[in-house]
């Protein structure tokens, strides 16, 4: 069993560390989803791999326990919005790391328009601006369940200052435009007043 106090790794390291195509692919995913490190990517990848490995073991079993185990895996993936209830085993085996990255709180916050970029979404979560089902969640890698998706928002309706400034920008632009127009009108009036004096 091991020591329960000992923290164990939640992910597997790639067998070939210097594979260029894999490194470039991981770099693209880090930028696209605003991940802090490759560790987060590998943790998500290991979640999918564990589900795949579990269902592969159950493929050989034709008993009731095997069928029940397959249904449990599909239901667990359905709860976090990765698969539908009537999904098959081939759907489970076809899952990739991008599918589970889409279910992270950081990505969902960005997709809902509560942040302008994935990195900004991460910042809002860590700075305790985001709530799920009325409670604060400060873990960007939190896997959002289907029923929780509609409950995500700003904690107590308080928007971050950066979002408030961006909402005010169009109004500020209108004010600047009005000021510019008023200036042009004043300049035109001054020119009209000066012309008769020169003619005299």
N, C-alpha and C. Protein backbone atom coordinates (compact mmCIF):
# COMPACT_ATOMS: atom_id res chain seq x y z
N UNK A 1 0.83 -1.22 0.00
CA UNK A 1 0.00 0.00 0.00
C UNK A 1 0.86 1.26 0.00
N UNK A 2 1.94 1.23 0.75
CA UNK A 2 2.80 2.42 0.78
C UNK A 2 2.38 3.42 1.85
N UNK A 3 3.20 4.41 2.01
CA UNK A 3 2.94 5.44 3.00
C UNK A 3 1.88 6.41 2.47
N UNK A 4 0.74 6.57 3.20
CA UNK A 4 -0.31 7.47 2.71
C UNK A 4 0.11 8.94 2.70
N UNK A 5 1.14 9.28 3.48
CA UNK A 5 1.61 10.67 3.52
C UNK A 5 2.46 11.04 2.31
N UNK A 6 3.00 10.02 1.68
CA UNK A 6 3.89 10.26 0.54
C UNK A 6 3.09 10.69 -0.69
N UNK A 7 3.49 11.79 -1.30
CA UNK A 7 2.80 12.28 -2.49
C UNK A 7 3.32 11.52 -3.71
N UNK A 8 2.41 10.93 -4.45
CA UNK A 8 2.78 10.16 -5.63
C UNK A 8 2.53 10.96 -6.90
N UNK A 9 3.23 10.61 -7.94
CA UNK A 9 3.05 11.27 -9.23
C UNK A 9 1.68 10.92 -9.81
N UNK A 10 1.07 11.92 -10.41
CA UNK A 10 -0.24 11.72 -11.02
C UNK A 10 -0.15 11.63 -12.54
N UNK A 11 1.06 11.52 -13.05
CA UNK A 11 1.24 11.48 -14.50
C UNK A 11 2.47 10.64 -14.85
N UNK A 12 2.54 10.25 -16.12
CA UNK A 12 3.67 9.47 -16.63
C UNK A 12 4.55 10.34 -17.52
N UNK A 13 5.84 10.15 -17.41
CA UNK A 13 6.80 10.89 -18.24
C UNK A 13 6.94 10.16 -19.58
N UNK A 14 7.04 10.87 -20.72
CA UNK A 14 7.21 10.19 -22.00
C UNK A 14 8.49 9.37 -22.08
N UNK A 15 8.41 8.24 -22.77
CA UNK A 15 9.58 7.34 -22.89
C UNK A 15 10.69 7.97 -23.72
N UNK A 16 10.30 8.72 -24.75
CA UNK A 16 11.29 9.42 -25.58
C UNK A 16 11.20 10.92 -25.31
N UNK A 17 12.05 11.45 -24.42
CA UNK A 17 11.93 12.87 -24.03
C UNK A 17 12.26 13.87 -25.13
N UNK A 18 13.10 13.49 -26.11
CA UNK A 18 13.54 14.44 -27.14
C UNK A 18 12.90 14.16 -28.50
N UNK A 19 11.60 13.95 -28.49
CA UNK A 19 10.84 13.76 -29.74
C UNK A 19 10.33 15.13 -30.20
N UNK A 20 10.84 15.62 -31.32
CA UNK A 20 10.55 16.99 -31.77
C UNK A 20 9.07 17.22 -32.06
N UNK A 21 8.43 16.28 -32.75
CA UNK A 21 7.01 16.45 -33.10
C UNK A 21 6.13 16.53 -31.85
N UNK A 22 6.44 15.69 -30.84
CA UNK A 22 5.68 15.72 -29.59
C UNK A 22 5.92 17.03 -28.84
N UNK A 23 7.17 17.49 -28.81
CA UNK A 23 7.51 18.74 -28.10
C UNK A 23 6.78 19.93 -28.73
N UNK A 24 6.75 19.99 -30.07
CA UNK A 24 6.07 21.09 -30.77
C UNK A 24 4.56 21.03 -30.55
N UNK A 25 4.03 19.82 -30.52
CA UNK A 25 2.59 19.64 -30.25
C UNK A 25 2.22 20.08 -28.85
N UNK A 26 3.05 19.73 -27.88
CA UNK A 26 2.82 20.14 -26.49
C UNK A 26 2.92 21.65 -26.32
N UNK A 27 3.88 22.25 -27.04
CA UNK A 27 4.06 23.70 -26.97
C UNK A 27 2.82 24.43 -27.49
N UNK A 28 2.25 23.90 -28.57
CA UNK A 28 1.03 24.47 -29.16
C UNK A 28 -0.14 24.38 -28.17
N UNK A 29 -0.27 23.24 -27.49
CA UNK A 29 -1.35 23.05 -26.52
C UNK A 29 -1.18 23.96 -25.30
N UNK A 30 0.06 24.15 -24.87
CA UNK A 30 0.34 25.04 -23.72
C UNK A 30 -0.11 26.46 -24.03
N UNK A 31 0.15 26.92 -25.25
CA UNK A 31 -0.23 28.28 -25.65
C UNK A 31 -1.74 28.40 -25.86
N UNK A 32 -2.32 27.37 -26.51
CA UNK A 32 -3.75 27.42 -26.84
C UNK A 32 -4.64 27.39 -25.61
N UNK A 33 -4.24 26.60 -24.59
CA UNK A 33 -5.07 26.45 -23.39
C UNK A 33 -4.53 27.21 -22.19
N UNK A 34 -3.45 27.97 -22.36
CA UNK A 34 -2.90 28.81 -21.28
C UNK A 34 -2.40 28.02 -20.09
N UNK A 35 -1.80 26.87 -20.34
CA UNK A 35 -1.28 26.03 -19.25
C UNK A 35 0.04 26.58 -18.72
N UNK A 36 0.27 26.41 -17.43
CA UNK A 36 1.48 26.95 -16.79
C UNK A 36 2.70 26.08 -17.08
N UNK A 37 2.51 24.78 -17.19
CA UNK A 37 3.64 23.87 -17.41
C UNK A 37 3.16 22.61 -18.10
N UNK A 38 4.13 21.80 -18.55
CA UNK A 38 3.80 20.52 -19.20
C UNK A 38 3.25 19.51 -18.19
N UNK A 39 3.51 19.75 -16.94
CA UNK A 39 2.99 18.88 -15.89
C UNK A 39 1.46 18.84 -15.93
N UNK A 40 0.84 20.01 -16.09
CA UNK A 40 -0.62 20.09 -16.15
C UNK A 40 -1.16 19.32 -17.36
N UNK A 41 -0.45 19.43 -18.47
CA UNK A 41 -0.84 18.72 -19.69
C UNK A 41 -0.77 17.20 -19.49
N UNK A 42 0.29 16.75 -18.84
CA UNK A 42 0.49 15.31 -18.62
C UNK A 42 -0.47 14.74 -17.59
N UNK A 43 -0.86 15.55 -16.62
CA UNK A 43 -1.86 15.11 -15.64
C UNK A 43 -3.19 14.86 -16.34
N UNK A 44 -3.58 15.78 -17.23
CA UNK A 44 -4.83 15.62 -17.98
C UNK A 44 -4.76 14.42 -18.93
N UNK A 45 -3.60 14.25 -19.55
CA UNK A 45 -3.39 13.12 -20.46
C UNK A 45 -3.50 11.79 -19.72
N UNK A 46 -2.97 11.75 -18.49
CA UNK A 46 -3.01 10.51 -17.70
C UNK A 46 -4.43 10.15 -17.28
N UNK A 47 -5.29 11.16 -17.11
CA UNK A 47 -6.71 10.91 -16.76
C UNK A 47 -7.37 10.12 -17.89
N UNK A 48 -7.14 10.58 -19.13
CA UNK A 48 -7.71 9.91 -20.31
C UNK A 48 -7.11 8.51 -20.47
N UNK A 49 -5.80 8.41 -20.29
CA UNK A 49 -5.12 7.11 -20.45
C UNK A 49 -5.64 6.07 -19.45
N UNK A 50 -5.88 6.49 -18.22
CA UNK A 50 -6.38 5.57 -17.18
C UNK A 50 -7.75 5.01 -17.55
N UNK A 51 -8.60 5.89 -18.10
CA UNK A 51 -9.93 5.45 -18.52
C UNK A 51 -9.83 4.47 -19.69
N UNK A 52 -8.93 4.76 -20.62
CA UNK A 52 -8.72 3.88 -21.77
C UNK A 52 -8.19 2.52 -21.34
N UNK A 53 -7.20 2.54 -20.44
CA UNK A 53 -6.60 1.28 -19.95
C UNK A 53 -7.63 0.42 -19.21
N UNK A 54 -8.47 1.11 -18.43
CA UNK A 54 -9.50 0.39 -17.66
C UNK A 54 -10.50 -0.29 -18.59
N UNK A 55 -10.91 0.43 -19.63
CA UNK A 55 -11.90 -0.14 -20.56
C UNK A 55 -11.29 -1.22 -21.44
N UNK A 56 -9.99 -1.14 -21.73
CA UNK A 56 -9.30 -2.19 -22.50
C UNK A 56 -9.26 -3.51 -21.72
N UNK A 57 -9.05 -3.41 -20.41
CA UNK A 57 -9.03 -4.60 -19.55
C UNK A 57 -10.41 -5.27 -19.50
N UNK A 58 -11.44 -4.41 -19.54
CA UNK A 58 -12.82 -4.93 -19.46
C UNK A 58 -13.33 -5.49 -20.78
N UNK A 59 -12.63 -5.18 -21.87
CA UNK A 59 -13.06 -5.67 -23.19
C UNK A 59 -13.08 -7.19 -23.26
N UNK A 60 -12.10 -7.82 -22.63
CA UNK A 60 -12.00 -9.29 -22.67
C UNK A 60 -13.07 -9.96 -21.82
N UNK A 61 -13.61 -9.25 -20.84
CA UNK A 61 -14.60 -9.84 -19.93
C UNK A 61 -16.01 -9.75 -20.53
N UNK A 62 -16.70 -10.84 -20.52
CA UNK A 62 -18.07 -10.88 -21.06
C UNK A 62 -19.10 -11.07 -19.95
N UNK A 63 -18.64 -11.01 -18.70
CA UNK A 63 -19.55 -11.22 -17.56
C UNK A 63 -20.34 -9.95 -17.25
N UNK A 64 -21.24 -10.09 -16.28
CA UNK A 64 -22.05 -8.93 -15.86
C UNK A 64 -21.19 -7.85 -15.21
N UNK A 65 -20.18 -8.29 -14.48
CA UNK A 65 -19.26 -7.34 -13.82
C UNK A 65 -18.52 -6.50 -14.86
N UNK A 66 -18.13 -7.14 -15.98
CA UNK A 66 -17.44 -6.43 -17.05
C UNK A 66 -18.33 -5.40 -17.70
N UNK A 67 -19.58 -5.77 -17.97
CA UNK A 67 -20.56 -4.85 -18.57
C UNK A 67 -20.86 -3.68 -17.64
N UNK A 68 -20.94 -3.99 -16.35
CA UNK A 68 -21.21 -2.94 -15.35
C UNK A 68 -20.03 -1.97 -15.26
N UNK A 69 -18.81 -2.52 -15.33
CA UNK A 69 -17.60 -1.69 -15.29
C UNK A 69 -17.52 -0.74 -16.48
N UNK A 70 -17.86 -1.25 -17.67
CA UNK A 70 -17.87 -0.42 -18.88
C UNK A 70 -18.88 0.72 -18.76
N UNK A 71 -20.06 0.37 -18.24
CA UNK A 71 -21.12 1.38 -18.06
C UNK A 71 -20.69 2.45 -17.06
N UNK A 72 -19.99 2.04 -16.01
CA UNK A 72 -19.52 2.99 -14.99
C UNK A 72 -18.50 3.98 -15.57
N UNK A 73 -17.61 3.47 -16.41
CA UNK A 73 -16.59 4.33 -17.03
C UNK A 73 -17.26 5.34 -17.96
N UNK A 74 -18.21 4.87 -18.77
CA UNK A 74 -18.92 5.77 -19.70
C UNK A 74 -19.72 6.81 -18.93
N UNK A 75 -20.35 6.40 -17.82
CA UNK A 75 -21.12 7.34 -16.99
C UNK A 75 -20.22 8.39 -16.35
N UNK A 76 -19.03 7.97 -15.91
CA UNK A 76 -18.09 8.92 -15.30
C UNK A 76 -17.61 9.96 -16.32
N UNK A 77 -17.41 9.51 -17.56
CA UNK A 77 -17.01 10.44 -18.63
C UNK A 77 -18.18 11.32 -19.07
N UNK A 78 -19.39 10.79 -18.96
CA UNK A 78 -20.59 11.57 -19.29
C UNK A 78 -20.81 12.68 -18.27
N UNK A 79 -20.50 12.42 -17.01
CA UNK A 79 -20.70 13.42 -15.95
C UNK A 79 -19.86 14.67 -16.17
N UNK A 80 -18.64 14.48 -16.72
CA UNK A 80 -17.78 15.65 -16.97
C UNK A 80 -17.91 16.16 -18.42
N UNK A 81 -18.92 15.67 -19.12
CA UNK A 81 -19.24 16.19 -20.45
C UNK A 81 -18.35 15.74 -21.57
N UNK A 82 -17.64 14.64 -21.39
CA UNK A 82 -16.76 14.14 -22.45
C UNK A 82 -17.49 13.23 -23.43
N UNK A 83 -18.47 12.48 -22.94
CA UNK A 83 -19.22 11.55 -23.78
C UNK A 83 -20.71 11.63 -23.46
N UNK A 84 -21.53 11.17 -24.40
CA UNK A 84 -22.96 11.07 -24.15
C UNK A 84 -23.27 9.75 -23.43
N UNK A 85 -24.50 9.62 -22.95
CA UNK A 85 -24.88 8.42 -22.19
C UNK A 85 -24.85 7.17 -23.07
N UNK A 86 -25.25 7.33 -24.35
CA UNK A 86 -25.30 6.19 -25.26
C UNK A 86 -23.99 5.98 -26.03
N UNK A 87 -22.88 6.47 -25.50
CA UNK A 87 -21.57 6.32 -26.16
C UNK A 87 -21.11 4.87 -26.10
N UNK A 88 -20.28 4.49 -27.07
CA UNK A 88 -19.76 3.12 -27.13
C UNK A 88 -18.31 3.08 -26.64
N UNK A 89 -17.76 1.87 -26.59
CA UNK A 89 -16.38 1.68 -26.14
C UNK A 89 -15.40 2.35 -27.10
N UNK A 90 -15.73 2.31 -28.41
CA UNK A 90 -14.87 2.96 -29.42
C UNK A 90 -14.77 4.47 -29.20
N UNK A 91 -15.86 5.07 -28.68
CA UNK A 91 -15.84 6.51 -28.36
C UNK A 91 -14.87 6.82 -27.23
N UNK A 92 -14.82 5.92 -26.25
CA UNK A 92 -13.89 6.08 -25.12
C UNK A 92 -12.46 5.97 -25.61
N UNK A 93 -12.19 4.98 -26.47
CA UNK A 93 -10.84 4.78 -27.00
C UNK A 93 -10.41 5.90 -27.95
N UNK A 94 -11.39 6.62 -28.50
CA UNK A 94 -11.09 7.71 -29.43
C UNK A 94 -10.85 9.06 -28.75
N UNK A 95 -10.97 9.10 -27.43
CA UNK A 95 -10.76 10.36 -26.70
C UNK A 95 -9.29 10.77 -26.73
N UNK A 96 -9.06 12.08 -26.80
CA UNK A 96 -7.70 12.62 -26.78
C UNK A 96 -7.53 13.62 -25.65
N UNK A 97 -6.32 14.12 -25.51
CA UNK A 97 -6.02 15.07 -24.43
C UNK A 97 -6.77 16.40 -24.62
N UNK A 98 -7.02 16.79 -25.88
CA UNK A 98 -7.73 18.05 -26.13
C UNK A 98 -9.17 18.00 -25.63
N UNK A 99 -9.76 16.80 -25.67
CA UNK A 99 -11.16 16.64 -25.20
C UNK A 99 -11.27 16.98 -23.72
N UNK A 100 -10.32 16.50 -22.93
CA UNK A 100 -10.38 16.76 -21.49
C UNK A 100 -9.88 18.17 -21.15
N UNK A 101 -9.00 18.72 -21.97
CA UNK A 101 -8.55 20.11 -21.74
C UNK A 101 -9.70 21.09 -21.92
N UNK A 102 -10.66 20.73 -22.77
CA UNK A 102 -11.84 21.59 -22.98
C UNK A 102 -12.76 21.61 -21.77
N UNK A 103 -12.61 20.63 -20.87
CA UNK A 103 -13.47 20.55 -19.70
C UNK A 103 -12.83 21.16 -18.45
N UNK A 104 -11.62 21.68 -18.57
CA UNK A 104 -10.97 22.34 -17.44
C UNK A 104 -11.68 23.67 -17.16
N UNK A 105 -11.71 24.06 -15.90
CA UNK A 105 -12.39 25.30 -15.51
C UNK A 105 -11.80 26.50 -16.25
N UNK A 106 -10.48 26.51 -16.40
CA UNK A 106 -9.80 27.61 -17.09
C UNK A 106 -10.33 27.79 -18.51
N UNK A 107 -10.48 26.69 -19.24
CA UNK A 107 -10.98 26.74 -20.61
C UNK A 107 -12.45 27.12 -20.66
N UNK A 108 -13.25 26.58 -19.76
CA UNK A 108 -14.68 26.86 -19.74
C UNK A 108 -14.94 28.34 -19.44
N UNK A 109 -14.18 28.90 -18.51
CA UNK A 109 -14.30 30.34 -18.17
C UNK A 109 -14.00 31.19 -19.41
N UNK A 110 -12.98 30.82 -20.14
CA UNK A 110 -12.62 31.53 -21.38
C UNK A 110 -13.70 31.37 -22.45
N UNK A 111 -14.21 30.16 -22.62
CA UNK A 111 -15.25 29.89 -23.63
C UNK A 111 -16.55 30.63 -23.31
N UNK A 112 -16.85 30.81 -22.02
CA UNK A 112 -18.08 31.52 -21.61
C UNK A 112 -17.96 33.03 -21.75
N UNK A 113 -16.76 33.52 -22.07
CA UNK A 113 -16.56 34.96 -22.26
C UNK A 113 -16.32 35.72 -20.98
N UNK A 114 -16.00 35.01 -19.90
CA UNK A 114 -15.72 35.68 -18.62
C UNK A 114 -14.29 36.21 -18.56
N UNK A 115 -13.49 35.85 -19.54
CA UNK A 115 -12.11 36.34 -19.66
C UNK A 115 -11.78 36.46 -21.14
N UNK A 116 -10.83 37.35 -21.45
CA UNK A 116 -10.48 37.61 -22.85
C UNK A 116 -9.51 36.58 -23.42
N UNK A 117 -8.69 36.00 -22.58
CA UNK A 117 -7.71 34.99 -23.02
C UNK A 117 -7.68 33.85 -22.01
N UNK A 118 -7.17 32.67 -22.42
CA UNK A 118 -7.04 31.57 -21.45
C UNK A 118 -6.14 31.92 -20.27
N UNK A 119 -5.09 32.69 -20.52
CA UNK A 119 -4.18 33.08 -19.43
C UNK A 119 -4.87 34.03 -18.45
N UNK A 120 -5.71 34.90 -18.99
CA UNK A 120 -6.46 35.80 -18.12
C UNK A 120 -7.48 35.02 -17.29
N UNK A 121 -8.07 33.98 -17.90
CA UNK A 121 -9.01 33.11 -17.18
C UNK A 121 -8.31 32.43 -16.01
N UNK A 122 -7.08 31.99 -16.23
CA UNK A 122 -6.28 31.37 -15.16
C UNK A 122 -6.05 32.37 -14.03
N UNK A 123 -5.72 33.59 -14.40
CA UNK A 123 -5.46 34.65 -13.41
C UNK A 123 -6.70 34.92 -12.57
N UNK A 124 -7.87 35.01 -13.21
CA UNK A 124 -9.12 35.27 -12.49
C UNK A 124 -9.44 34.15 -11.50
N UNK A 125 -9.17 32.90 -11.92
CA UNK A 125 -9.44 31.75 -11.04
C UNK A 125 -8.52 31.78 -9.82
N UNK A 126 -7.23 32.01 -10.06
CA UNK A 126 -6.26 32.04 -8.96
C UNK A 126 -6.48 33.22 -8.02
N UNK A 127 -7.01 34.32 -8.56
CA UNK A 127 -7.27 35.52 -7.74
C UNK A 127 -8.67 35.51 -7.12
N UNK A 128 -9.33 34.34 -7.18
CA UNK A 128 -10.60 34.10 -6.46
C UNK A 128 -11.77 34.93 -6.99
N UNK A 129 -11.80 35.17 -8.28
CA UNK A 129 -12.91 35.90 -8.90
C UNK A 129 -14.00 34.97 -9.42
N UNK A 130 -13.67 33.69 -9.63
CA UNK A 130 -14.59 32.76 -10.27
C UNK A 130 -15.25 31.83 -9.26
N UNK A 131 -16.54 31.60 -9.46
CA UNK A 131 -17.27 30.68 -8.58
C UNK A 131 -17.98 29.62 -9.42
N UNK A 132 -18.11 28.45 -8.84
CA UNK A 132 -18.84 27.33 -9.45
C UNK A 132 -19.92 26.91 -8.47
N UNK A 133 -21.16 27.02 -8.93
CA UNK A 133 -22.30 26.66 -8.07
C UNK A 133 -22.32 27.48 -6.77
N UNK A 134 -21.94 28.74 -6.88
CA UNK A 134 -21.99 29.65 -5.73
C UNK A 134 -20.79 29.60 -4.80
N UNK A 135 -19.83 28.72 -5.06
CA UNK A 135 -18.64 28.66 -4.20
C UNK A 135 -17.38 28.94 -5.01
N UNK A 136 -16.42 29.59 -4.35
CA UNK A 136 -15.16 29.94 -5.02
C UNK A 136 -14.36 28.68 -5.36
N UNK A 137 -13.79 28.68 -6.56
CA UNK A 137 -12.90 27.60 -6.98
C UNK A 137 -11.61 28.24 -7.47
N UNK A 138 -10.49 27.86 -6.86
CA UNK A 138 -9.19 28.47 -7.20
C UNK A 138 -8.26 27.48 -7.90
N UNK A 139 -8.82 26.44 -8.50
CA UNK A 139 -8.02 25.43 -9.20
C UNK A 139 -8.32 25.50 -10.69
N UNK A 140 -7.39 26.00 -11.51
CA UNK A 140 -7.64 26.11 -12.96
C UNK A 140 -7.90 24.76 -13.63
N UNK A 141 -7.32 23.67 -13.07
CA UNK A 141 -7.48 22.35 -13.65
C UNK A 141 -8.72 21.60 -13.16
N UNK A 142 -9.60 22.27 -12.46
CA UNK A 142 -10.84 21.64 -11.96
C UNK A 142 -11.69 21.20 -13.15
N UNK A 143 -12.08 19.92 -13.18
CA UNK A 143 -12.90 19.39 -14.28
C UNK A 143 -14.37 19.71 -14.03
N UNK A 144 -14.94 20.48 -14.93
CA UNK A 144 -16.31 20.98 -14.78
C UNK A 144 -17.30 19.91 -15.21
N UNK A 145 -18.27 19.63 -14.35
CA UNK A 145 -19.34 18.71 -14.69
C UNK A 145 -20.39 19.41 -15.54
N UNK A 146 -21.20 18.63 -16.25
CA UNK A 146 -22.20 19.19 -17.15
C UNK A 146 -23.20 20.07 -16.41
N UNK A 147 -23.66 19.59 -15.24
CA UNK A 147 -24.67 20.35 -14.49
C UNK A 147 -24.09 21.63 -13.86
N UNK A 148 -22.76 21.70 -13.75
CA UNK A 148 -22.12 22.88 -13.14
C UNK A 148 -21.81 23.98 -14.15
N UNK A 149 -21.85 23.64 -15.43
CA UNK A 149 -21.43 24.59 -16.47
C UNK A 149 -22.24 25.89 -16.45
N UNK A 150 -23.55 25.78 -16.21
CA UNK A 150 -24.42 26.97 -16.19
C UNK A 150 -24.32 27.77 -14.90
N UNK A 151 -23.62 27.24 -13.91
CA UNK A 151 -23.49 27.94 -12.61
C UNK A 151 -22.18 28.71 -12.48
N UNK A 152 -21.35 28.67 -13.52
CA UNK A 152 -20.04 29.35 -13.47
C UNK A 152 -20.23 30.84 -13.70
N UNK A 153 -19.62 31.65 -12.87
CA UNK A 153 -19.69 33.10 -13.02
C UNK A 153 -18.71 33.78 -12.07
N UNK A 154 -18.82 35.11 -12.00
CA UNK A 154 -17.99 35.87 -11.06
C UNK A 154 -18.55 35.70 -9.65
N UNK A 155 -17.67 35.53 -8.68
CA UNK A 155 -18.10 35.33 -7.30
C UNK A 155 -18.81 36.58 -6.79
N UNK A 156 -20.06 36.40 -6.35
CA UNK A 156 -20.93 37.47 -5.85
C UNK A 156 -21.12 38.58 -6.90
N UNK A 157 -20.96 38.24 -8.17
CA UNK A 157 -21.19 39.19 -9.26
C UNK A 157 -20.15 40.29 -9.40
N UNK A 158 -19.03 40.16 -8.70
CA UNK A 158 -17.98 41.19 -8.75
C UNK A 158 -17.03 40.91 -9.90
N UNK A 159 -17.04 41.80 -10.88
CA UNK A 159 -16.15 41.64 -12.03
C UNK A 159 -14.76 42.18 -11.72
N UNK A 160 -13.72 41.57 -12.29
CA UNK A 160 -12.36 42.12 -12.14
C UNK A 160 -12.28 43.49 -12.81
N UNK A 161 -11.40 44.34 -12.30
CA UNK A 161 -11.28 45.72 -12.81
C UNK A 161 -10.95 45.76 -14.30
N UNK A 162 -10.13 44.83 -14.75
CA UNK A 162 -9.75 44.81 -16.17
C UNK A 162 -10.96 44.63 -17.07
N UNK A 163 -11.92 43.81 -16.65
CA UNK A 163 -13.13 43.59 -17.44
C UNK A 163 -14.03 44.82 -17.40
N UNK A 164 -14.07 45.52 -16.26
CA UNK A 164 -14.88 46.73 -16.14
C UNK A 164 -14.35 47.83 -17.04
N UNK A 165 -13.03 47.96 -17.11
CA UNK A 165 -12.39 48.98 -17.96
C UNK A 165 -12.71 48.72 -19.42
N UNK A 166 -12.64 47.44 -19.83
CA UNK A 166 -12.92 47.08 -21.21
C UNK A 166 -14.37 47.35 -21.57
N UNK A 167 -15.28 47.20 -20.59
CA UNK A 167 -16.68 47.48 -20.85
C UNK A 167 -16.94 48.98 -20.99
N UNK A 168 -16.13 49.80 -20.31
CA UNK A 168 -16.30 51.24 -20.37
C UNK A 168 -15.64 51.87 -21.59
N UNK A 169 -14.77 51.16 -22.24
CA UNK A 169 -14.00 51.72 -23.36
C UNK A 169 -14.86 52.35 -24.45
N UNK A 170 -15.94 51.68 -24.94
CA UNK A 170 -16.76 52.30 -25.98
C UNK A 170 -17.34 53.65 -25.57
N UNK A 171 -17.73 53.76 -24.27
CA UNK A 171 -18.27 55.04 -23.78
C UNK A 171 -17.19 56.12 -23.77
N UNK A 172 -15.98 55.73 -23.36
CA UNK A 172 -14.87 56.68 -23.34
C UNK A 172 -14.52 57.15 -24.75
N UNK A 173 -14.60 56.23 -25.70
CA UNK A 173 -14.32 56.58 -27.09
C UNK A 173 -15.34 57.59 -27.61
N UNK A 174 -16.61 57.41 -27.25
CA UNK A 174 -17.66 58.35 -27.67
C UNK A 174 -17.42 59.74 -27.10
N UNK A 175 -17.00 59.78 -25.83
CA UNK A 175 -16.70 61.07 -25.19
C UNK A 175 -15.55 61.78 -25.90
N UNK A 176 -14.52 61.00 -26.24
CA UNK A 176 -13.37 61.55 -26.96
C UNK A 176 -13.76 62.08 -28.33
N UNK A 177 -14.66 61.35 -28.99
CA UNK A 177 -15.14 61.78 -30.31
C UNK A 177 -15.93 63.09 -30.21
N UNK A 178 -16.78 63.19 -29.18
CA UNK A 178 -17.56 64.41 -28.98
C UNK A 178 -16.66 65.61 -28.67
N UNK A 179 -15.62 65.36 -27.85
CA UNK A 179 -14.66 66.42 -27.54
C UNK A 179 -13.93 66.89 -28.79
N UNK A 180 -13.54 65.93 -29.62
CA UNK A 180 -12.83 66.26 -30.87
C UNK A 180 -13.72 67.08 -31.80
N UNK A 181 -15.00 66.69 -31.90
CA UNK A 181 -15.95 67.43 -32.73
C UNK A 181 -16.15 68.86 -32.22
N UNK A 182 -16.27 68.99 -30.90
CA UNK A 182 -16.45 70.32 -30.29
C UNK A 182 -15.23 71.21 -30.55
N UNK A 183 -14.04 70.63 -30.50
CA UNK A 183 -12.80 71.36 -30.78
C UNK A 183 -12.77 71.88 -32.21
N UNK A 184 -13.17 71.02 -33.15
CA UNK A 184 -13.19 71.39 -34.57
C UNK A 184 -14.16 72.54 -34.80
N UNK A 185 -15.33 72.47 -34.15
CA UNK A 185 -16.33 73.54 -34.29
C UNK A 185 -15.81 74.87 -33.74
N UNK A 186 -15.11 74.82 -32.60
CA UNK A 186 -14.52 76.04 -32.02
C UNK A 186 -13.47 76.65 -32.93
N UNK A 187 -12.63 75.79 -33.51
CA UNK A 187 -11.59 76.25 -34.43
C UNK A 187 -12.20 76.90 -35.67
N UNK A 188 -13.29 76.32 -36.17
CA UNK A 188 -13.97 76.88 -37.34
C UNK A 188 -14.58 78.25 -37.03
N UNK A 189 -15.15 78.37 -35.83
CA UNK A 189 -15.75 79.66 -35.41
C UNK A 189 -14.69 80.74 -35.29
N UNK A 190 -13.53 80.39 -34.74
CA UNK A 190 -12.42 81.35 -34.59
C UNK A 190 -11.94 81.84 -35.95
N UNK A 191 -11.83 80.90 -36.89
CA UNK A 191 -11.39 81.25 -38.24
C UNK A 191 -12.37 82.21 -38.90
N UNK A 192 -13.68 81.95 -38.71
CA UNK A 192 -14.72 82.81 -39.28
C UNK A 192 -14.67 84.22 -38.69
N UNK A 193 -14.36 84.30 -37.38
CA UNK A 193 -14.27 85.61 -36.72
C UNK A 193 -13.04 86.40 -37.18
N UNK A 194 -11.95 85.69 -37.48
CA UNK A 194 -10.71 86.34 -37.87
C UNK A 194 -10.73 86.85 -39.32
N UNK A 195 -11.48 86.22 -40.18
CA UNK A 195 -11.52 86.60 -41.61
C UNK A 195 -12.02 88.03 -41.82
N UNK A 196 -13.14 88.46 -41.23
CA UNK A 196 -13.60 89.85 -41.43
C UNK A 196 -12.57 90.89 -40.98
N UNK A 197 -11.81 90.62 -39.91
CA UNK A 197 -10.80 91.57 -39.42
C UNK A 197 -9.71 91.78 -40.46
N UNK A 198 -9.29 90.73 -41.14
CA UNK A 198 -8.25 90.83 -42.16
C UNK A 198 -8.75 91.61 -43.38
N UNK A 199 -10.03 91.40 -43.73
CA UNK A 199 -10.62 92.10 -44.88
C UNK A 199 -10.73 93.60 -44.62
N UNK A 200 -10.99 93.98 -43.35
CA UNK A 200 -11.10 95.38 -42.99
C UNK A 200 -9.75 96.07 -43.11
